[in-house]
N, C-alpha and C. Protein backbone atom coordinates (compact mmCIF):
# COMPACT_ATOMS: atom_id res chain seq x y z
N MET A 1 97.89 36.93 221.17
CA MET A 1 97.71 35.57 220.69
C MET A 1 98.56 35.38 219.44
N LYS A 2 99.31 34.32 219.42
CA LYS A 2 100.17 34.04 218.27
C LYS A 2 99.32 33.61 217.07
N ASP A 3 99.87 33.82 215.90
CA ASP A 3 99.16 33.49 214.66
C ASP A 3 98.76 32.02 214.60
N ASN A 4 99.65 31.11 215.03
CA ASN A 4 99.34 29.68 214.91
C ASN A 4 98.15 29.30 215.80
N LEU A 5 98.00 29.95 216.94
CA LEU A 5 96.85 29.67 217.81
C LEU A 5 95.58 30.25 217.20
N ALA A 6 95.66 31.44 216.64
CA ALA A 6 94.49 32.04 215.98
C ALA A 6 94.04 31.17 214.80
N GLU A 7 95.01 30.65 214.05
CA GLU A 7 94.68 29.77 212.92
C GLU A 7 94.02 28.48 213.41
N ALA A 8 94.53 27.93 214.50
CA ALA A 8 93.96 26.70 215.05
C ALA A 8 92.54 26.94 215.57
N LEU A 9 92.31 28.08 216.19
CA LEU A 9 90.95 28.41 216.65
C LEU A 9 90.01 28.58 215.46
N ASN A 10 90.50 29.19 214.39
CA ASN A 10 89.69 29.31 213.17
C ASN A 10 89.35 27.94 212.61
N GLU A 11 90.32 27.04 212.60
CA GLU A 11 90.06 25.68 212.11
C GLU A 11 88.99 25.01 212.97
N GLN A 12 89.07 25.20 214.29
CA GLN A 12 88.08 24.59 215.17
C GLN A 12 86.71 25.22 214.97
N MET A 13 86.65 26.52 214.80
CA MET A 13 85.38 27.18 214.53
C MET A 13 84.73 26.57 213.29
N ASN A 14 85.52 26.39 212.24
CA ASN A 14 84.97 25.81 211.01
C ASN A 14 84.61 24.34 211.20
N PHE A 15 85.35 23.63 212.05
CA PHE A 15 84.99 22.24 212.35
C PHE A 15 83.65 22.19 213.09
N GLU A 16 83.39 23.17 213.93
CA GLU A 16 82.10 23.22 214.63
C GLU A 16 80.97 23.45 213.63
N PHE A 17 81.19 24.33 212.64
CA PHE A 17 80.18 24.51 211.59
C PHE A 17 79.99 23.20 210.81
N TYR A 18 81.09 22.53 210.51
CA TYR A 18 81.01 21.23 209.83
C TYR A 18 80.24 20.23 210.69
N SER A 19 80.50 20.23 211.99
CA SER A 19 79.78 19.33 212.90
C SER A 19 78.28 19.55 212.83
N ALA A 20 77.87 20.80 212.69
CA ALA A 20 76.44 21.08 212.53
C ALA A 20 75.91 20.39 211.27
N HIS A 21 76.70 20.40 210.20
CA HIS A 21 76.29 19.71 208.97
C HIS A 21 76.22 18.19 209.17
N VAL A 22 77.16 17.66 209.92
CA VAL A 22 77.14 16.22 210.22
C VAL A 22 75.83 15.86 210.90
N TYR A 23 75.44 16.66 211.90
CA TYR A 23 74.22 16.36 212.64
C TYR A 23 72.96 16.64 211.83
N LEU A 24 73.02 17.62 210.93
CA LEU A 24 71.88 17.84 210.03
C LEU A 24 71.68 16.64 209.11
N ALA A 25 72.78 16.06 208.64
CA ALA A 25 72.68 14.87 207.78
C ALA A 25 72.08 13.70 208.56
N MET A 26 72.46 13.56 209.82
CA MET A 26 71.89 12.50 210.66
C MET A 26 70.40 12.75 210.89
N ALA A 27 70.04 14.01 211.09
CA ALA A 27 68.62 14.36 211.26
C ALA A 27 67.84 14.02 210.00
N ALA A 28 68.41 14.32 208.85
CA ALA A 28 67.74 14.01 207.58
C ALA A 28 67.53 12.51 207.42
N TYR A 29 68.53 11.72 207.80
CA TYR A 29 68.38 10.27 207.76
C TYR A 29 67.22 9.83 208.64
N CYS A 30 67.18 10.34 209.87
CA CYS A 30 66.11 9.94 210.80
C CYS A 30 64.74 10.38 210.29
N SER A 31 64.66 11.58 209.72
CA SER A 31 63.39 12.04 209.15
C SER A 31 62.93 11.13 208.03
N ALA A 32 63.87 10.71 207.20
CA ALA A 32 63.53 9.81 206.09
C ALA A 32 63.01 8.47 206.60
N GLU A 33 63.41 8.11 207.81
CA GLU A 33 62.95 6.87 208.45
C GLU A 33 61.69 7.09 209.29
N ASN A 34 61.12 8.30 209.20
CA ASN A 34 59.92 8.67 209.97
C ASN A 34 60.13 8.59 211.48
N LEU A 35 61.33 8.95 211.90
CA LEU A 35 61.68 8.98 213.32
C LEU A 35 61.96 10.43 213.70
N GLU A 36 60.88 11.18 213.82
CA GLU A 36 61.01 12.62 214.02
C GLU A 36 61.63 13.00 215.36
N GLY A 37 61.46 12.17 216.39
CA GLY A 37 62.10 12.46 217.67
C GLY A 37 63.61 12.36 217.56
N PHE A 38 64.08 11.30 216.92
CA PHE A 38 65.53 11.15 216.71
C PHE A 38 66.04 12.27 215.80
N ALA A 39 65.25 12.62 214.78
CA ALA A 39 65.63 13.74 213.91
C ALA A 39 65.76 15.01 214.74
N ASN A 40 64.82 15.25 215.64
CA ASN A 40 64.89 16.43 216.49
C ASN A 40 66.14 16.42 217.36
N PHE A 41 66.49 15.25 217.89
CA PHE A 41 67.71 15.14 218.69
C PHE A 41 68.90 15.70 217.90
N PHE A 42 69.04 15.27 216.65
CA PHE A 42 70.18 15.70 215.85
C PHE A 42 70.05 17.15 215.39
N LEU A 43 68.83 17.64 215.20
CA LEU A 43 68.65 19.07 214.88
C LEU A 43 69.11 19.93 216.05
N VAL A 44 68.80 19.49 217.26
CA VAL A 44 69.27 20.21 218.45
C VAL A 44 70.80 20.16 218.52
N GLN A 45 71.37 18.99 218.22
CA GLN A 45 72.84 18.87 218.21
C GLN A 45 73.44 19.86 217.21
N ALA A 46 72.82 19.97 216.04
CA ALA A 46 73.32 20.89 215.02
C ALA A 46 73.28 22.33 215.54
N GLU A 47 72.20 22.68 216.21
CA GLU A 47 72.07 24.02 216.77
C GLU A 47 73.16 24.29 217.81
N GLU A 48 73.43 23.30 218.64
CA GLU A 48 74.50 23.43 219.65
C GLU A 48 75.85 23.65 218.98
N GLU A 49 76.11 22.91 217.91
CA GLU A 49 77.40 23.05 217.22
C GLU A 49 77.55 24.44 216.60
N ARG A 50 76.47 24.97 216.04
CA ARG A 50 76.53 26.34 215.51
C ARG A 50 76.79 27.34 216.64
N PHE A 51 76.18 27.10 217.80
CA PHE A 51 76.42 27.96 218.96
C PHE A 51 77.90 27.90 219.35
N HIS A 52 78.48 26.70 219.36
CA HIS A 52 79.89 26.55 219.69
C HIS A 52 80.77 27.30 218.69
N ALA A 53 80.45 27.18 217.41
CA ALA A 53 81.21 27.88 216.38
C ALA A 53 81.16 29.39 216.60
N MET A 54 79.98 29.90 216.90
CA MET A 54 79.83 31.34 217.10
C MET A 54 80.51 31.80 218.38
N LYS A 55 80.60 30.93 219.35
CA LYS A 55 81.32 31.25 220.59
C LYS A 55 82.81 31.47 220.27
N ILE A 56 83.36 30.62 219.43
CA ILE A 56 84.76 30.78 219.01
C ILE A 56 84.91 32.02 218.13
N TYR A 57 83.95 32.24 217.24
CA TYR A 57 83.94 33.43 216.38
C TYR A 57 84.03 34.69 217.23
N LYS A 58 83.18 34.77 218.24
CA LYS A 58 83.15 35.95 219.12
C LYS A 58 84.47 36.07 219.88
N PHE A 59 85.01 34.97 220.38
CA PHE A 59 86.27 35.01 221.11
C PHE A 59 87.39 35.55 220.23
N LEU A 60 87.47 35.05 219.00
CA LEU A 60 88.50 35.54 218.09
C LEU A 60 88.36 37.06 217.89
N ASN A 61 87.14 37.51 217.65
CA ASN A 61 86.91 38.94 217.46
C ASN A 61 87.25 39.73 218.73
N ASP A 62 86.87 39.21 219.88
CA ASP A 62 87.17 39.88 221.14
C ASP A 62 88.67 40.01 221.38
N ARG A 63 89.44 39.07 220.84
CA ARG A 63 90.89 39.09 221.00
C ARG A 63 91.58 39.83 219.86
N GLY A 64 90.80 40.50 219.02
CA GLY A 64 91.38 41.29 217.94
C GLY A 64 91.88 40.46 216.77
N ARG A 65 91.38 39.24 216.67
CA ARG A 65 91.77 38.35 215.57
C ARG A 65 90.59 38.18 214.63
N ARG A 66 90.88 37.91 213.39
CA ARG A 66 89.83 37.75 212.40
C ARG A 66 89.36 36.31 212.33
N ALA A 67 88.05 36.13 212.39
CA ALA A 67 87.45 34.82 212.14
C ALA A 67 87.40 34.64 210.63
N THR A 68 87.87 33.49 210.17
CA THR A 68 87.91 33.20 208.74
C THR A 68 87.03 31.99 208.46
N ILE A 69 86.03 32.18 207.63
CA ILE A 69 85.08 31.11 207.30
C ILE A 69 85.59 30.37 206.07
N THR A 70 85.61 29.04 206.17
CA THR A 70 86.09 28.22 205.06
C THR A 70 84.98 27.29 204.58
N ALA A 71 85.24 26.63 203.47
CA ALA A 71 84.28 25.66 202.93
C ALA A 71 84.15 24.48 203.87
N LEU A 72 82.98 23.88 203.87
CA LEU A 72 82.72 22.71 204.72
C LEU A 72 82.78 21.45 203.87
N GLY A 73 83.29 20.40 204.45
CA GLY A 73 83.29 19.11 203.77
C GLY A 73 81.88 18.52 203.73
N GLU A 74 81.70 17.57 202.86
CA GLU A 74 80.39 16.91 202.77
C GLU A 74 80.29 15.83 203.85
N PRO A 75 79.24 15.90 204.67
CA PRO A 75 79.08 14.89 205.71
C PRO A 75 78.55 13.58 205.13
N LYS A 76 78.70 12.52 205.90
CA LYS A 76 78.10 11.25 205.54
C LYS A 76 76.59 11.42 205.61
N ASN A 77 75.89 10.89 204.61
CA ASN A 77 74.43 11.04 204.56
C ASN A 77 73.66 9.74 204.72
N ASP A 78 74.33 8.62 204.57
CA ASP A 78 73.64 7.33 204.64
C ASP A 78 74.11 6.55 205.85
N TYR A 79 73.14 5.96 206.52
CA TYR A 79 73.41 5.17 207.72
C TYR A 79 72.63 3.87 207.64
N LYS A 80 73.09 2.88 208.39
CA LYS A 80 72.43 1.57 208.41
C LYS A 80 71.24 1.55 209.37
N SER A 81 71.31 2.38 210.40
CA SER A 81 70.29 2.35 211.45
C SER A 81 70.45 3.59 212.33
N VAL A 82 69.49 3.78 213.23
CA VAL A 82 69.59 4.86 214.20
C VAL A 82 70.81 4.63 215.08
N LEU A 83 71.03 3.37 215.47
CA LEU A 83 72.21 3.06 216.27
C LEU A 83 73.48 3.49 215.53
N ASP A 84 73.54 3.25 214.25
CA ASP A 84 74.70 3.63 213.44
C ASP A 84 74.91 5.15 213.49
N THR A 85 73.82 5.93 213.47
CA THR A 85 73.98 7.39 213.54
C THR A 85 74.58 7.80 214.88
N PHE A 86 74.12 7.18 215.96
CA PHE A 86 74.64 7.54 217.28
C PHE A 86 76.08 7.08 217.46
N GLU A 87 76.42 5.93 216.92
CA GLU A 87 77.81 5.47 217.00
C GLU A 87 78.72 6.41 216.21
N ALA A 88 78.25 6.86 215.04
CA ALA A 88 79.02 7.82 214.25
C ALA A 88 79.12 9.16 214.99
N GLY A 89 78.03 9.58 215.61
CA GLY A 89 78.04 10.82 216.39
C GLY A 89 79.01 10.74 217.57
N TYR A 90 79.03 9.59 218.23
CA TYR A 90 79.95 9.39 219.35
C TYR A 90 81.41 9.48 218.87
N GLY A 91 81.70 8.84 217.76
CA GLY A 91 83.05 8.94 217.20
C GLY A 91 83.41 10.36 216.83
N HIS A 92 82.44 11.09 216.30
CA HIS A 92 82.65 12.49 215.93
C HIS A 92 82.95 13.32 217.18
N GLU A 93 82.21 13.07 218.25
CA GLU A 93 82.45 13.81 219.50
C GLU A 93 83.81 13.47 220.09
N GLN A 94 84.23 12.22 219.99
CA GLN A 94 85.56 11.85 220.47
C GLN A 94 86.65 12.57 219.67
N GLN A 95 86.45 12.68 218.37
CA GLN A 95 87.38 13.41 217.53
C GLN A 95 87.42 14.88 217.94
N ASN A 96 86.25 15.44 218.22
CA ASN A 96 86.17 16.84 218.62
C ASN A 96 86.86 17.06 219.96
N THR A 97 86.70 16.12 220.88
CA THR A 97 87.38 16.22 222.17
C THR A 97 88.89 16.29 221.97
N GLN A 98 89.41 15.42 221.12
CA GLN A 98 90.84 15.42 220.85
C GLN A 98 91.29 16.74 220.25
N ARG A 99 90.47 17.30 219.40
CA ARG A 99 90.80 18.60 218.80
C ARG A 99 90.90 19.68 219.87
N PHE A 100 89.99 19.66 220.84
CA PHE A 100 90.06 20.64 221.92
C PHE A 100 91.25 20.40 222.83
N TYR A 101 91.60 19.15 223.06
CA TYR A 101 92.82 18.85 223.82
C TYR A 101 94.04 19.44 223.11
N ASN A 102 94.10 19.25 221.80
CA ASN A 102 95.24 19.78 221.04
C ASN A 102 95.28 21.30 221.09
N LEU A 103 94.12 21.93 220.98
CA LEU A 103 94.06 23.39 221.09
C LEU A 103 94.53 23.84 222.47
N SER A 104 94.08 23.14 223.49
CA SER A 104 94.47 23.48 224.86
C SER A 104 95.98 23.33 225.05
N ASP A 105 96.55 22.27 224.51
CA ASP A 105 98.00 22.08 224.59
C ASP A 105 98.74 23.24 223.91
N LEU A 106 98.24 23.64 222.76
CA LEU A 106 98.85 24.75 222.02
C LEU A 106 98.77 26.04 222.84
N ALA A 107 97.61 26.31 223.42
CA ALA A 107 97.43 27.51 224.24
C ALA A 107 98.34 27.46 225.47
N MET A 108 98.48 26.29 226.08
CA MET A 108 99.35 26.16 227.25
C MET A 108 100.82 26.38 226.85
N ASN A 109 101.22 25.83 225.72
CA ASN A 109 102.59 26.02 225.25
C ASN A 109 102.89 27.50 224.99
N ASP A 110 101.88 28.22 224.52
CA ASP A 110 102.03 29.66 224.24
C ASP A 110 101.81 30.51 225.49
N ARG A 111 101.45 29.86 226.61
CA ARG A 111 101.13 30.56 227.85
C ARG A 111 100.05 31.62 227.60
N GLU A 112 99.06 31.23 226.78
CA GLU A 112 97.96 32.10 226.39
C GLU A 112 96.80 31.84 227.37
N HIS A 113 96.88 32.48 228.52
CA HIS A 113 95.98 32.18 229.64
C HIS A 113 94.51 32.46 229.33
N ALA A 114 94.21 33.51 228.60
CA ALA A 114 92.81 33.80 228.25
C ALA A 114 92.23 32.67 227.41
N THR A 115 93.02 32.16 226.49
CA THR A 115 92.55 31.07 225.63
C THR A 115 92.44 29.77 226.42
N ILE A 116 93.38 29.52 227.32
CA ILE A 116 93.29 28.34 228.18
C ILE A 116 91.97 28.35 228.94
N ASN A 117 91.65 29.49 229.53
CA ASN A 117 90.40 29.63 230.28
C ASN A 117 89.19 29.45 229.37
N PHE A 118 89.24 30.03 228.20
CA PHE A 118 88.15 29.91 227.23
C PHE A 118 87.92 28.46 226.83
N LEU A 119 88.99 27.72 226.59
CA LEU A 119 88.88 26.33 226.12
C LEU A 119 88.38 25.38 227.20
N LYS A 120 88.54 25.74 228.46
CA LYS A 120 88.07 24.88 229.55
C LYS A 120 86.57 24.61 229.41
N TRP A 121 85.81 25.63 229.03
CA TRP A 121 84.36 25.46 228.85
C TRP A 121 84.08 24.37 227.82
N PHE A 122 84.80 24.38 226.72
CA PHE A 122 84.59 23.40 225.66
C PHE A 122 84.99 21.98 226.10
N ILE A 123 86.06 21.89 226.85
CA ILE A 123 86.49 20.57 227.32
C ILE A 123 85.45 20.00 228.27
N ASP A 124 84.91 20.82 229.15
CA ASP A 124 83.82 20.37 230.03
C ASP A 124 82.60 19.95 229.22
N GLU A 125 82.30 20.71 228.19
CA GLU A 125 81.16 20.40 227.30
C GLU A 125 81.38 19.07 226.59
N GLN A 126 82.60 18.79 226.18
CA GLN A 126 82.89 17.53 225.49
C GLN A 126 82.70 16.32 226.39
N VAL A 127 83.00 16.46 227.67
CA VAL A 127 82.75 15.37 228.61
C VAL A 127 81.25 15.05 228.60
N GLU A 128 80.42 16.09 228.64
CA GLU A 128 78.96 15.90 228.62
C GLU A 128 78.50 15.29 227.30
N GLU A 129 79.05 15.77 226.19
CA GLU A 129 78.64 15.28 224.87
C GLU A 129 78.96 13.80 224.70
N GLU A 130 80.18 13.42 225.06
CA GLU A 130 80.55 12.01 224.93
C GLU A 130 79.69 11.13 225.83
N ALA A 131 79.43 11.58 227.04
CA ALA A 131 78.60 10.80 227.97
C ALA A 131 77.18 10.66 227.42
N LEU A 132 76.65 11.73 226.84
CA LEU A 132 75.30 11.68 226.26
C LEU A 132 75.21 10.62 225.17
N PHE A 133 76.14 10.66 224.23
CA PHE A 133 76.11 9.70 223.13
C PHE A 133 76.33 8.28 223.63
N ASP A 134 77.27 8.10 224.54
CA ASP A 134 77.54 6.78 225.08
C ASP A 134 76.30 6.21 225.77
N ASN A 135 75.62 7.04 226.53
CA ASN A 135 74.41 6.61 227.23
C ASN A 135 73.32 6.19 226.24
N ILE A 136 73.12 6.97 225.22
CA ILE A 136 72.08 6.66 224.22
C ILE A 136 72.42 5.37 223.48
N ILE A 137 73.69 5.20 223.13
CA ILE A 137 74.10 3.96 222.45
C ILE A 137 73.77 2.76 223.32
N HIS A 138 74.07 2.83 224.61
CA HIS A 138 73.76 1.72 225.51
C HIS A 138 72.25 1.47 225.59
N LYS A 139 71.47 2.54 225.63
CA LYS A 139 70.01 2.38 225.65
C LYS A 139 69.52 1.71 224.37
N LEU A 140 70.02 2.18 223.23
CA LEU A 140 69.59 1.61 221.94
C LEU A 140 69.95 0.13 221.85
N LYS A 141 71.10 -0.23 222.35
CA LYS A 141 71.50 -1.64 222.31
C LYS A 141 70.62 -2.48 223.24
N ARG A 142 70.23 -1.91 224.38
CA ARG A 142 69.36 -2.64 225.32
C ARG A 142 67.96 -2.84 224.77
N ILE A 143 67.45 -1.83 224.06
CA ILE A 143 66.06 -1.91 223.59
C ILE A 143 65.95 -2.40 222.15
N GLU A 144 67.03 -2.90 221.62
CA GLU A 144 67.10 -3.30 220.21
C GLU A 144 65.87 -4.08 219.75
N LYS A 145 65.41 -5.00 220.54
CA LYS A 145 64.30 -5.86 220.12
C LYS A 145 62.94 -5.36 220.62
N ASP A 146 62.93 -4.29 221.41
CA ASP A 146 61.69 -3.79 222.02
C ASP A 146 61.23 -2.53 221.28
N SER A 147 60.33 -2.72 220.31
CA SER A 147 59.90 -1.58 219.50
C SER A 147 59.17 -0.53 220.32
N ASN A 148 58.46 -0.94 221.37
CA ASN A 148 57.77 0.04 222.22
C ASN A 148 58.77 0.97 222.89
N ALA A 149 59.83 0.40 223.44
CA ALA A 149 60.84 1.22 224.10
C ALA A 149 61.54 2.13 223.09
N PHE A 150 61.77 1.64 221.88
CA PHE A 150 62.40 2.44 220.83
C PHE A 150 61.55 3.66 220.51
N TYR A 151 60.24 3.45 220.36
CA TYR A 151 59.36 4.56 220.03
C TYR A 151 59.15 5.49 221.22
N MET A 152 59.27 4.98 222.44
CA MET A 152 59.22 5.84 223.62
C MET A 152 60.44 6.76 223.64
N LEU A 153 61.60 6.22 223.29
CA LEU A 153 62.81 7.03 223.23
C LEU A 153 62.68 8.07 222.12
N ASP A 154 62.12 7.70 220.98
CA ASP A 154 61.87 8.64 219.90
C ASP A 154 60.97 9.77 220.38
N ALA A 155 59.92 9.44 221.12
CA ALA A 155 59.00 10.46 221.64
C ALA A 155 59.71 11.36 222.65
N GLU A 156 60.59 10.78 223.46
CA GLU A 156 61.35 11.57 224.44
C GLU A 156 62.23 12.59 223.72
N PHE A 157 62.91 12.17 222.67
CA PHE A 157 63.80 13.07 221.95
C PHE A 157 63.03 14.16 221.20
N ALA A 158 61.77 13.91 220.90
CA ALA A 158 60.96 14.93 220.24
C ALA A 158 60.78 16.16 221.13
N GLN A 159 60.93 15.98 222.44
CA GLN A 159 60.76 17.08 223.39
C GLN A 159 62.05 17.85 223.64
N ARG A 160 63.16 17.37 223.13
CA ARG A 160 64.46 17.99 223.39
C ARG A 160 64.56 19.35 222.70
N SER A 161 65.18 20.31 223.38
CA SER A 161 65.40 21.61 222.79
C SER A 161 66.76 22.15 223.23
N PHE A 162 67.21 23.19 222.58
CA PHE A 162 68.48 23.82 222.90
C PHE A 162 68.23 25.18 223.50
N THR A 163 68.80 25.41 224.66
CA THR A 163 68.78 26.72 225.29
C THR A 163 70.24 27.09 225.56
N PRO A 164 70.72 28.17 224.94
CA PRO A 164 72.11 28.55 225.17
C PRO A 164 72.35 28.78 226.66
N PRO A 165 73.53 28.39 227.15
CA PRO A 165 73.84 28.63 228.56
C PRO A 165 73.76 30.11 228.88
N THR A 166 73.32 30.45 230.06
CA THR A 166 73.23 31.85 230.45
C THR A 166 74.62 32.44 230.58
N GLY A 167 74.71 33.70 230.24
CA GLY A 167 75.99 34.38 230.33
C GLY A 167 76.95 34.06 229.21
N GLU A 168 76.47 33.42 228.16
CA GLU A 168 77.36 33.04 227.05
C GLU A 168 77.21 34.02 225.93
């Protein structure tokens, strides 16, 4: 693996750790609004992002490259509404998708087949992540005026949990 690809994977690993902070900040906002189900949704997202970061960490180590941990930027902490948190999350996931596309392009240019194969999992995951956020945004917009439906969605998200994929 060329140095520039290892550096790019390290940047992505640290971006995944940063993403966990972004979702923790969203969870904190929801908790402050007494919406513990929505807070749980974002806590689970944070856990998934840490899992993704560690997946890259392990890959770098398996390829004989050093994982380098860097400082994390400060995430946004204030939001106008729950809808605003999900719209921000959707934008964040779109940014992350583009980052994985760029990594994949770099790996393809280097003909780094192991990395190409490794990144496919993340690209598939990003399709799911973007669809999840898009779906929730549409639900929130539909139920905007229906407080019962809003609290039912909050209760649904309270049941959400993270289980790492098998074989990972």
